[in-house]
Amino acid sequence: MEPPRTVFQPLAEIEIDAVTPSNQGFTLTGQGAGTDRSEYRLDLHFELPLDNRTRTVLGELLSQSELTISRRAAGIHPRPLRPQRAPPPPARNS
């Protein structure tokens, strides 16, 4: 038996206007497509360092993208999230 499909409702389609590098990722800004002319901002963070070449390539790809933001339909209850592992403690230098 196939598990029930989760139904998501699209909230906004966003055309990316600008991609700005930040310490750990990028900030994307843009306007809603169609009749939604609202301004949107998305902060994208990575848990690993990005070298300059990777940052340049990712920035170019993201600047040529569009986003669709969706949410779970009302009345559908999400499964609990799996607990996230805590980062390992820093190594002690003795």
PDB file of N, CA and C in Angstrom:
ATOM      1  N   MET A   1       0.844  -1.181   0.000  1.00  0.00           N
ATOM      2  CA  MET A   1       0.000   0.000   0.000  1.00  0.00           C
ATOM      3  C   MET A   1       0.890   1.246   0.000  1.00  0.00           C
ATOM      4  N   GLU A   2       0.582   2.183  -0.838  1.00  0.00           N
ATOM      5  CA  GLU A   2       1.364   3.408  -0.981  1.00  0.00           C
ATOM      6  C   GLU A   2       0.986   4.403   0.116  1.00  0.00           C
ATOM      7  N   PRO A   3       2.001   5.072   0.740  1.00  0.00           N
ATOM      8  CA  PRO A   3       1.666   6.061   1.777  1.00  0.00           C
ATOM      9  C   PRO A   3       0.898   7.229   1.166  1.00  0.00           C
ATOM     10  N   PRO A   4       0.028   7.875   1.963  1.00  0.00           N
ATOM     11  CA  PRO A   4      -0.735   9.009   1.427  1.00  0.00           C
ATOM     12  C   PRO A   4       0.199  10.142   1.012  1.00  0.00           C
ATOM     13  N   ARG A   5      -0.114  10.760  -0.111  1.00  0.00           N
ATOM     14  CA  ARG A   5       0.692  11.879  -0.602  1.00  0.00           C
ATOM     15  C   ARG A   5       0.369  13.131   0.195  1.00  0.00           C
ATOM     16  N   THR A   6       1.390  13.888   0.478  1.00  0.00           N
ATOM     17  CA  THR A   6       1.211  15.142   1.177  1.00  0.00           C
ATOM     18  C   THR A   6       0.800  16.202   0.158  1.00  0.00           C
ATOM     19  N   VAL A   7      -0.228  16.946   0.472  1.00  0.00           N
ATOM     20  CA  VAL A   7      -0.717  17.975  -0.430  1.00  0.00           C
ATOM     21  C   VAL A   7      -0.181  19.324   0.031  1.00  0.00           C
ATOM     22  N   PHE A   8       0.464  20.017  -0.870  1.00  0.00           N
ATOM     23  CA  PHE A   8       0.996  21.341  -0.571  1.00  0.00           C
ATOM     24  C   PHE A   8       0.291  22.373  -1.442  1.00  0.00           C
ATOM     25  N   GLN A   9       0.024  23.531  -0.863  1.00  0.00           N
ATOM     26  CA  GLN A   9      -0.597  24.637  -1.582  1.00  0.00           C
ATOM     27  C   GLN A   9       0.474  25.668  -1.902  1.00  0.00           C
ATOM     28  N   PRO A  10       0.635  26.044  -3.169  1.00  0.00           N
ATOM     29  CA  PRO A  10       1.599  27.096  -3.487  1.00  0.00           C
ATOM     30  C   PRO A  10       1.151  28.432  -2.897  1.00  0.00           C
ATOM     31  N   LEU A  11       2.078  29.124  -2.250  1.00  0.00           N
ATOM     32  CA  LEU A  11       1.775  30.428  -1.653  1.00  0.00           C
ATOM     33  C   LEU A  11       2.288  31.566  -2.510  1.00  0.00           C
ATOM     34  N   ALA A  12       3.471  31.379  -3.102  1.00  0.00           N
ATOM     35  CA  ALA A  12       4.058  32.459  -3.889  1.00  0.00           C
ATOM     36  C   ALA A  12       5.055  31.903  -4.895  1.00  0.00           C
ATOM     37  N   GLU A  13       5.066  32.497  -6.061  1.00  0.00           N
ATOM     38  CA  GLU A  13       6.103  32.248  -7.051  1.00  0.00           C
ATOM     39  C   GLU A  13       6.923  33.518  -7.115  1.00  0.00           C
ATOM     40  N   ILE A  14       8.235  33.377  -6.942  1.00  0.00           N
ATOM     41  CA  ILE A  14       9.097  34.546  -6.789  1.00  0.00           C
ATOM     42  C   ILE A  14      10.164  34.561  -7.865  1.00  0.00           C
ATOM     43  N   GLU A  15      10.249  35.667  -8.566  1.00  0.00           N
ATOM     44  CA  GLU A  15      11.302  35.882  -9.547  1.00  0.00           C
ATOM     45  C   GLU A  15      12.476  36.538  -8.828  1.00  0.00           C
ATOM     46  N   ILE A  16      13.626  35.896  -8.838  1.00  0.00           N
ATOM     47  CA  ILE A  16      14.797  36.399  -8.116  1.00  0.00           C
ATOM     48  C   ILE A  16      15.385  37.598  -8.858  1.00  0.00           C
ATOM     49  N   ASP A  17      15.526  38.718  -8.138  1.00  0.00           N
ATOM     50  CA  ASP A  17      16.105  39.944  -8.697  1.00  0.00           C
ATOM     51  C   ASP A  17      17.567  40.115  -8.316  1.00  0.00           C
ATOM     52  N   ALA A  18      17.930  39.682  -7.098  1.00  0.00           N
ATOM     53  CA  ALA A  18      19.295  39.901  -6.608  1.00  0.00           C
ATOM     54  C   ALA A  18      19.715  38.760  -5.701  1.00  0.00           C
ATOM     55  N   VAL A  19      20.990  38.416  -5.802  1.00  0.00           N
ATOM     56  CA  VAL A  19      21.602  37.412  -4.928  1.00  0.00           C
ATOM     57  C   VAL A  19      22.809  38.073  -4.288  1.00  0.00           C
ATOM     58  N   THR A  20      22.809  38.146  -2.952  1.00  0.00           N
ATOM     59  CA  THR A  20      23.892  38.791  -2.222  1.00  0.00           C
ATOM     60  C   THR A  20      24.589  37.759  -1.342  1.00  0.00           C
ATOM     61  N   PRO A  21      25.914  37.594  -1.492  1.00  0.00           N
ATOM     62  CA  PRO A  21      26.623  36.653  -0.614  1.00  0.00           C
ATOM     63  C   PRO A  21      26.574  37.133   0.831  1.00  0.00           C
ATOM     64  N   SER A  22      26.489  36.174   1.755  1.00  0.00           N
ATOM     65  CA  SER A  22      26.559  36.469   3.181  1.00  0.00           C
ATOM     66  C   SER A  22      27.633  35.567   3.780  1.00  0.00           C
ATOM     67  N   ASN A  23      27.843  35.658   5.084  1.00  0.00           N
ATOM     68  CA  ASN A  23      28.904  34.880   5.724  1.00  0.00           C
ATOM     69  C   ASN A  23      28.809  33.386   5.444  1.00  0.00           C
ATOM     70  N   GLN A  24      27.646  32.813   5.571  1.00  0.00           N
ATOM     71  CA  GLN A  24      27.474  31.372   5.439  1.00  0.00           C
ATOM     72  C   GLN A  24      26.610  30.975   4.255  1.00  0.00           C
ATOM     73  N   GLY A  25      26.315  31.889   3.326  1.00  0.00           N
ATOM     74  CA  GLY A  25      25.452  31.527   2.207  1.00  0.00           C
ATOM     75  C   GLY A  25      25.098  32.712   1.356  1.00  0.00           C
ATOM     76  N   PHE A  26      23.792  32.902   1.139  1.00  0.00           N
ATOM     77  CA  PHE A  26      23.306  33.945   0.251  1.00  0.00           C
ATOM     78  C   PHE A  26      21.994  34.510   0.765  1.00  0.00           C
ATOM     79  N   THR A  27      21.696  35.741   0.350  1.00  0.00           N
ATOM     80  CA  THR A  27      20.384  36.332   0.557  1.00  0.00           C
ATOM     81  C   THR A  27      19.801  36.578  -0.822  1.00  0.00           C
ATOM     82  N   LEU A  28      18.624  36.008  -1.069  1.00  0.00           N
ATOM     83  CA  LEU A  28      17.940  36.168  -2.339  1.00  0.00           C
ATOM     84  C   LEU A  28      16.772  37.118  -2.137  1.00  0.00           C
ATOM     85  N   THR A  29      16.603  38.061  -3.032  1.00  0.00           N
ATOM     86  CA  THR A  29      15.466  38.967  -2.974  1.00  0.00           C
ATOM     87  C   THR A  29      14.781  38.961  -4.329  1.00  0.00           C
ATOM     88  N   GLY A  30      13.478  39.173  -4.306  1.00  0.00           N
ATOM     89  CA  GLY A  30      12.736  39.192  -5.559  1.00  0.00           C
ATOM     90  C   GLY A  30      11.302  39.593  -5.333  1.00  0.00           C
ATOM     91  N   GLN A  31      10.563  39.653  -6.445  1.00  0.00           N
ATOM     92  CA  GLN A  31       9.156  40.028  -6.414  1.00  0.00           C
ATOM     93  C   GLN A  31       8.301  38.844  -6.792  1.00  0.00           C
ATOM     94  N   GLY A  32       7.104  38.818  -6.225  1.00  0.00           N
ATOM     95  CA  GLY A  32       6.150  37.780  -6.577  1.00  0.00           C
ATOM     96  C   GLY A  32       5.776  37.905  -8.043  1.00  0.00           C
ATOM     97  N   ALA A  33       5.544  36.774  -8.674  1.00  0.00           N
ATOM     98  CA  ALA A  33       5.171  36.740 -10.091  1.00  0.00           C
ATOM     99  C   ALA A  33       3.664  36.951 -10.242  1.00  0.00           C
ATOM    100  N   GLY A  34       3.247  37.302 -11.428  1.00  0.00           N
ATOM    101  CA  GLY A  34       1.820  37.491 -11.719  1.00  0.00           C
ATOM    102  C   GLY A  34       1.268  38.692 -10.993  1.00  0.00           C
ATOM    103  N   THR A  35       0.112  38.516 -10.342  1.00  0.00           N
ATOM    104  CA  THR A  35      -0.532  39.630  -9.640  1.00  0.00           C
ATOM    105  C   THR A  35       0.087  39.907  -8.275  1.00  0.00           C
ATOM    106  N   ASP A  36       0.882  38.952  -7.762  1.00  0.00           N
ATOM    107  CA  ASP A  36       1.549  39.141  -6.465  1.00  0.00           C
ATOM    108  C   ASP A  36       2.844  39.918  -6.684  1.00  0.00           C
ATOM    109  N   ARG A  37       2.813  41.202  -6.452  1.00  0.00           N
ATOM    110  CA  ARG A  37       4.010  42.029  -6.661  1.00  0.00           C
ATOM    111  C   ARG A  37       4.709  42.325  -5.336  1.00  0.00           C
ATOM    112  N   SER A  38       4.435  41.512  -4.313  1.00  0.00           N
ATOM    113  CA  SER A  38       5.085  41.688  -3.017  1.00  0.00           C
ATOM    114  C   SER A  38       6.577  41.423  -3.144  1.00  0.00           C
ATOM    115  N   GLU A  39       7.346  42.044  -2.247  1.00  0.00           N
ATOM    116  CA  GLU A  39       8.784  41.792  -2.206  1.00  0.00           C
ATOM    117  C   GLU A  39       9.052  40.657  -1.223  1.00  0.00           C
ATOM    118  N   TYR A  40       9.983  39.787  -1.591  1.00  0.00           N
ATOM    119  CA  TYR A  40      10.340  38.641  -0.766  1.00  0.00           C
ATOM    120  C   TYR A  40      11.838  38.621  -0.540  1.00  0.00           C
ATOM    121  N   ARG A  41      12.227  37.994   0.579  1.00  0.00           N
ATOM    122  CA  ARG A  41      13.638  37.819   0.906  1.00  0.00           C
ATOM    123  C   ARG A  41      13.804  36.412   1.467  1.00  0.00           C
ATOM    124  N   LEU A  42      14.828  35.718   1.002  1.00  0.00           N
ATOM    125  CA  LEU A  42      15.131  34.374   1.472  1.00  0.00           C
ATOM    126  C   LEU A  42      16.596  34.329   1.853  1.00  0.00           C
ATOM    127  N   ASP A  43      16.870  33.942   3.102  1.00  0.00           N
ATOM    128  CA  ASP A  43      18.253  33.771   3.552  1.00  0.00           C
ATOM    129  C   ASP A  43      18.572  32.288   3.483  1.00  0.00           C
ATOM    130  N   LEU A  44      19.618  31.949   2.761  1.00  0.00           N
ATOM    131  CA  LEU A  44      20.041  30.573   2.544  1.00  0.00           C
ATOM    132  C   LEU A  44      21.391  30.385   3.209  1.00  0.00           C
ATOM    133  N   HIS A  45      21.463  29.462   4.182  1.00  0.00           N
ATOM    134  CA  HIS A  45      22.693  29.262   4.945  1.00  0.00           C
ATOM    135  C   HIS A  45      23.212  27.841   4.741  1.00  0.00           C
ATOM    136  N   PHE A  46      24.523  27.708   4.633  1.00  0.00           N
ATOM    137  CA  PHE A  46      25.180  26.418   4.498  1.00  0.00           C
ATOM    138  C   PHE A  46      25.979  26.147   5.760  1.00  0.00           C
ATOM    139  N   GLU A  47      26.046  24.889   6.164  1.00  0.00           N
ATOM    140  CA  GLU A  47      26.795  24.531   7.364  1.00  0.00           C
ATOM    141  C   GLU A  47      28.264  24.244   7.064  1.00  0.00           C
ATOM    142  N   LEU A  48      28.657  24.351   5.822  1.00  0.00           N
ATOM    143  CA  LEU A  48      30.052  24.120   5.477  1.00  0.00           C
ATOM    144  C   LEU A  48      30.590  25.349   4.756  1.00  0.00           C
ATOM    145  N   PRO A  49      31.885  25.564   4.840  1.00  0.00           N
ATOM    146  CA  PRO A  49      32.455  26.744   4.181  1.00  0.00           C
ATOM    147  C   PRO A  49      32.410  26.593   2.660  1.00  0.00           C
ATOM    148  N   LEU A  50      32.235  27.716   1.975  1.00  0.00           N
ATOM    149  CA  LEU A  50      32.210  27.740   0.512  1.00  0.00           C
ATOM    150  C   LEU A  50      33.471  28.420   0.007  1.00  0.00           C
ATOM    151  N   ASP A  51      34.177  27.761  -0.901  1.00  0.00           N
ATOM    152  CA  ASP A  51      35.333  28.431  -1.493  1.00  0.00           C
ATOM    153  C   ASP A  51      34.822  29.447  -2.516  1.00  0.00           C
ATOM    154  N   ASN A  52      35.701  30.336  -2.964  1.00  0.00           N
ATOM    155  CA  ASN A  52      35.286  31.429  -3.854  1.00  0.00           C
ATOM    156  C   ASN A  52      34.665  30.929  -5.147  1.00  0.00           C
ATOM    157  N   ARG A  53      35.235  29.890  -5.734  1.00  0.00           N
ATOM    158  CA  ARG A  53      34.704  29.378  -7.004  1.00  0.00           C
ATOM    159  C   ARG A  53      33.294  28.824  -6.815  1.00  0.00           C
ATOM    160  N   THR A  54      33.099  28.021  -5.758  1.00  0.00           N
ATOM    161  CA  THR A  54      31.775  27.462  -5.478  1.00  0.00           C
ATOM    162  C   THR A  54      30.774  28.577  -5.206  1.00  0.00           C
ATOM    163  N   ARG A  55      31.175  29.573  -4.422  1.00  0.00           N
ATOM    164  CA  ARG A  55      30.297  30.707  -4.119  1.00  0.00           C
ATOM    165  C   ARG A  55      29.893  31.445  -5.405  1.00  0.00           C
ATOM    166  N   THR A  56      30.849  31.624  -6.319  1.00  0.00           N
ATOM    167  CA  THR A  56      30.557  32.312  -7.579  1.00  0.00           C
ATOM    168  C   THR A  56      29.567  31.515  -8.424  1.00  0.00           C
ATOM    169  N   VAL A  57      29.802  30.204  -8.545  1.00  0.00           N
ATOM    170  CA  VAL A  57      28.922  29.356  -9.353  1.00  0.00           C
ATOM    171  C   VAL A  57      27.526  29.297  -8.737  1.00  0.00           C
ATOM    172  N   LEU A  58      27.439  29.084  -7.429  1.00  0.00           N
ATOM    173  CA  LEU A  58      26.133  29.044  -6.769  1.00  0.00           C
ATOM    174  C   LEU A  58      25.394  30.372  -6.910  1.00  0.00           C
ATOM    175  N   GLY A  59      26.098  31.474  -6.732  1.00  0.00           N
ATOM    176  CA  GLY A  59      25.479  32.790  -6.883  1.00  0.00           C
ATOM    177  C   GLY A  59      24.900  32.986  -8.264  1.00  0.00           C
ATOM    178  N   GLU A  60      25.630  32.554  -9.294  1.00  0.00           N
ATOM    179  CA  GLU A  60      25.146  32.681 -10.679  1.00  0.00           C
ATOM    180  C   GLU A  60      23.920  31.802 -10.904  1.00  0.00           C
ATOM    181  N   LEU A  61      23.969  30.565 -10.427  1.00  0.00           N
ATOM    182  CA  LEU A  61      22.819  29.667 -10.580  1.00  0.00           C
ATOM    183  C   LEU A  61      21.585  30.213  -9.866  1.00  0.00           C
ATOM    184  N   LEU A  62      21.775  30.677  -8.643  1.00  0.00           N
ATOM    185  CA  LEU A  62      20.645  31.201  -7.876  1.00  0.00           C
ATOM    186  C   LEU A  62      20.067  32.466  -8.508  1.00  0.00           C
ATOM    187  N   SER A  63      20.919  33.296  -9.107  1.00  0.00           N
ATOM    188  CA  SER A  63      20.425  34.535  -9.716  1.00  0.00           C
ATOM    189  C   SER A  63      19.580  34.256 -10.957  1.00  0.00           C
ATOM    190  N   GLN A  64      19.706  33.071 -11.523  1.00  0.00           N
ATOM    191  CA  GLN A  64      18.929  32.697 -12.708  1.00  0.00           C
ATOM    192  C   GLN A  64      17.739  31.805 -12.350  1.00  0.00           C
ATOM    193  N   SER A  65      17.358  31.790 -11.077  1.00  0.00           N
ATOM    194  CA  SER A  65      16.321  30.870 -10.631  1.00  0.00           C
ATOM    195  C   SER A  65      15.017  31.583 -10.289  1.00  0.00           C
ATOM    196  N   GLU A  66      13.987  30.790 -10.116  1.00  0.00           N
ATOM    197  CA  GLU A  66      12.709  31.241  -9.590  1.00  0.00           C
ATOM    198  C   GLU A  66      12.367  30.310  -8.449  1.00  0.00           C
ATOM    199  N   LEU A  67      11.662  30.805  -7.462  1.00  0.00           N
ATOM    200  CA  LEU A  67      11.276  30.002  -6.304  1.00  0.00           C
ATOM    201  C   LEU A  67       9.767  29.862  -6.250  1.00  0.00           C
ATOM    202  N   THR A  68       9.312  28.720  -5.791  1.00  0.00           N
ATOM    203  CA  THR A  68       7.909  28.531  -5.456  1.00  0.00           C
ATOM    204  C   THR A  68       7.861  28.149  -3.989  1.00  0.00           C
ATOM    205  N   ILE A  69       7.161  28.932  -3.200  1.00  0.00           N
ATOM    206  CA  ILE A  69       6.996  28.669  -1.777  1.00  0.00           C
ATOM    207  C   ILE A  69       5.623  28.028  -1.593  1.00  0.00           C
ATOM    208  N   SER A  70       5.598  26.868  -0.939  1.00  0.00           N
ATOM    209  CA  SER A  70       4.340  26.150  -0.707  1.00  0.00           C
ATOM    210  C   SER A  70       4.230  25.802   0.761  1.00  0.00           C
ATOM    211  N   ARG A  71       3.017  25.491   1.189  1.00  0.00           N
ATOM    212  CA  ARG A  71       2.820  25.026   2.557  1.00  0.00           C
ATOM    213  C   ARG A  71       1.845  23.855   2.524  1.00  0.00           C
ATOM    214  N   ARG A  72       1.890  23.068   3.584  1.00  0.00           N
ATOM    215  CA  ARG A  72       1.011  21.908   3.693  1.00  0.00           C
ATOM    216  C   ARG A  72      -0.431  22.386   3.741  1.00  0.00           C
ATOM    217  N   ALA A  73      -1.306  21.701   3.048  1.00  0.00           N
ATOM    218  CA  ALA A  73      -2.717  22.079   3.003  1.00  0.00           C
ATOM    219  C   ALA A  73      -3.339  21.973   4.390  1.00  0.00           C
ATOM    220  N   ALA A  74      -4.311  22.820   4.670  1.00  0.00           N
ATOM    221  CA  ALA A  74      -5.004  22.805   5.964  1.00  0.00           C
ATOM    222  C   ALA A  74      -5.657  21.441   6.184  1.00  0.00           C
ATOM    223  N   GLY A  75      -5.663  20.991   7.438  1.00  0.00           N
ATOM    224  CA  GLY A  75      -6.277  19.717   7.766  1.00  0.00           C
ATOM    225  C   GLY A  75      -5.332  18.536   7.623  1.00  0.00           C
ATOM    226  N   ILE A  76      -4.166  18.740   7.047  1.00  0.00           N
ATOM    227  CA  ILE A  76      -3.166  17.683   6.916  1.00  0.00           C
ATOM    228  C   ILE A  76      -2.175  17.879   8.047  1.00  0.00           C
ATOM    229  N   HIS A  77      -2.003  16.887   8.882  1.00  0.00           N
ATOM    230  CA  HIS A  77      -1.096  17.012  10.015  1.00  0.00           C
ATOM    231  C   HIS A  77       0.252  16.415   9.665  1.00  0.00           C
ATOM    232  N   PRO A  78       1.310  17.203   9.767  1.00  0.00           N
ATOM    233  CA  PRO A  78       2.640  16.688   9.431  1.00  0.00           C
ATOM    234  C   PRO A  78       3.113  15.666  10.451  1.00  0.00           C
ATOM    235  N   ARG A  79       3.980  14.765   9.991  1.00  0.00           N
ATOM    236  CA  ARG A  79       4.636  13.846  10.918  1.00  0.00           C
ATOM    237  C   ARG A  79       5.638  14.640  11.732  1.00  0.00           C
ATOM    238  N   PRO A  80       5.878  14.233  12.967  1.00  0.00           N
ATOM    239  CA  PRO A  80       6.887  14.947  13.765  1.00  0.00           C
ATOM    240  C   PRO A  80       8.241  14.905  13.069  1.00  0.00           C
ATOM    241  N   LEU A  81       8.979  15.991  13.182  1.00  0.00           N
ATOM    242  CA  LEU A  81      10.323  16.037  12.619  1.00  0.00           C
ATOM    243  C   LEU A  81      11.242  15.135  13.409  1.00  0.00           C
ATOM    244  N   ARG A  82      12.200  14.554  12.716  1.00  0.00           N
ATOM    245  CA  ARG A  82      13.213  13.768  13.414  1.00  0.00           C
ATOM    246  C   ARG A  82      14.075  14.720  14.215  1.00  0.00           C
ATOM    247  N   PRO A  83      14.453  14.325  15.420  1.00  0.00           N
ATOM    248  CA  PRO A  83      15.340  15.211  16.187  1.00  0.00           C
ATOM    249  C   PRO A  83      16.660  15.385  15.443  1.00  0.00           C
ATOM    250  N   GLN A  84      17.145  16.606  15.415  1.00  0.00           N
ATOM    251  CA  GLN A  84      18.420  16.869  14.764  1.00  0.00           C
ATOM    252  C   GLN A  84      19.543  16.604  15.739  1.00  0.00           C
ATOM    253  N   ARG A  85      20.625  16.066  15.199  1.00  0.00           N
ATOM    254  CA  ARG A  85      21.787  15.804  16.032  1.00  0.00           C
ATOM    255  C   ARG A  85      22.482  17.104  16.390  1.00  0.00           C
ATOM    256  N   ALA A  86      22.915  17.170  17.626  1.00  0.00           N
ATOM    257  CA  ALA A  86      23.690  18.336  18.047  1.00  0.00           C
ATOM    258  C   ALA A  86      25.066  18.236  17.420  1.00  0.00           C
ATOM    259  N   PRO A  87      25.682  19.368  17.060  1.00  0.00           N
ATOM    260  CA  PRO A  87      27.030  19.313  16.506  1.00  0.00           C
ATOM    261  C   PRO A  87      28.001  18.758  17.537  1.00  0.00           C
ATOM    262  N   PRO A  88      29.041  18.062  17.082  1.00  0.00           N
ATOM    263  CA  PRO A  88      29.994  17.518  18.042  1.00  0.00           C
ATOM    264  C   PRO A  88      30.698  18.651  18.793  1.00  0.00           C
ATOM    265  N   PRO A  89      31.056  18.398  20.047  1.00  0.00           N
ATOM    266  CA  PRO A  89      31.751  19.451  20.806  1.00  0.00           C
ATOM    267  C   PRO A  89      33.119  19.711  20.198  1.00  0.00           C
ATOM    268  N   PRO A  90      33.627  20.927  20.350  1.00  0.00           N
ATOM    269  CA  PRO A  90      34.948  21.244  19.799  1.00  0.00           C
ATOM    270  C   PRO A  90      36.037  20.394  20.462  1.00  0.00           C
ATOM    271  N   ALA A  91      37.018  20.030  19.679  1.00  0.00           N
ATOM    272  CA  ALA A  91      38.134  19.222  20.212  1.00  0.00           C
ATOM    273  C   ALA A  91      38.916  20.043  21.212  1.00  0.00           C
ATOM    274  N   ARG A  92      39.302  19.392  22.287  1.00  0.00           N
ATOM    275  CA  ARG A  92      40.107  20.078  23.303  1.00  0.00           C
ATOM    276  C   ARG A  92      41.560  19.836  23.021  1.00  0.00           C
ATOM    277  N   ASN A  93      42.322  20.909  23.078  1.00  0.00           N
ATOM    278  CA  ASN A  93      43.781  20.795  22.914  1.00  0.00           C
ATOM    279  C   ASN A  93      44.413  20.711  24.288  1.00  0.00           C
ATOM    280  N   SER A  94      45.004  19.554  24.583  1.00  0.00           N
ATOM    281  CA  SER A  94      45.627  19.394  25.913  1.00  0.00           C
ATOM    282  C   SER A  94      47.111  19.425  25.798  1.00  0.00           C
TER     283      SER A  94
END
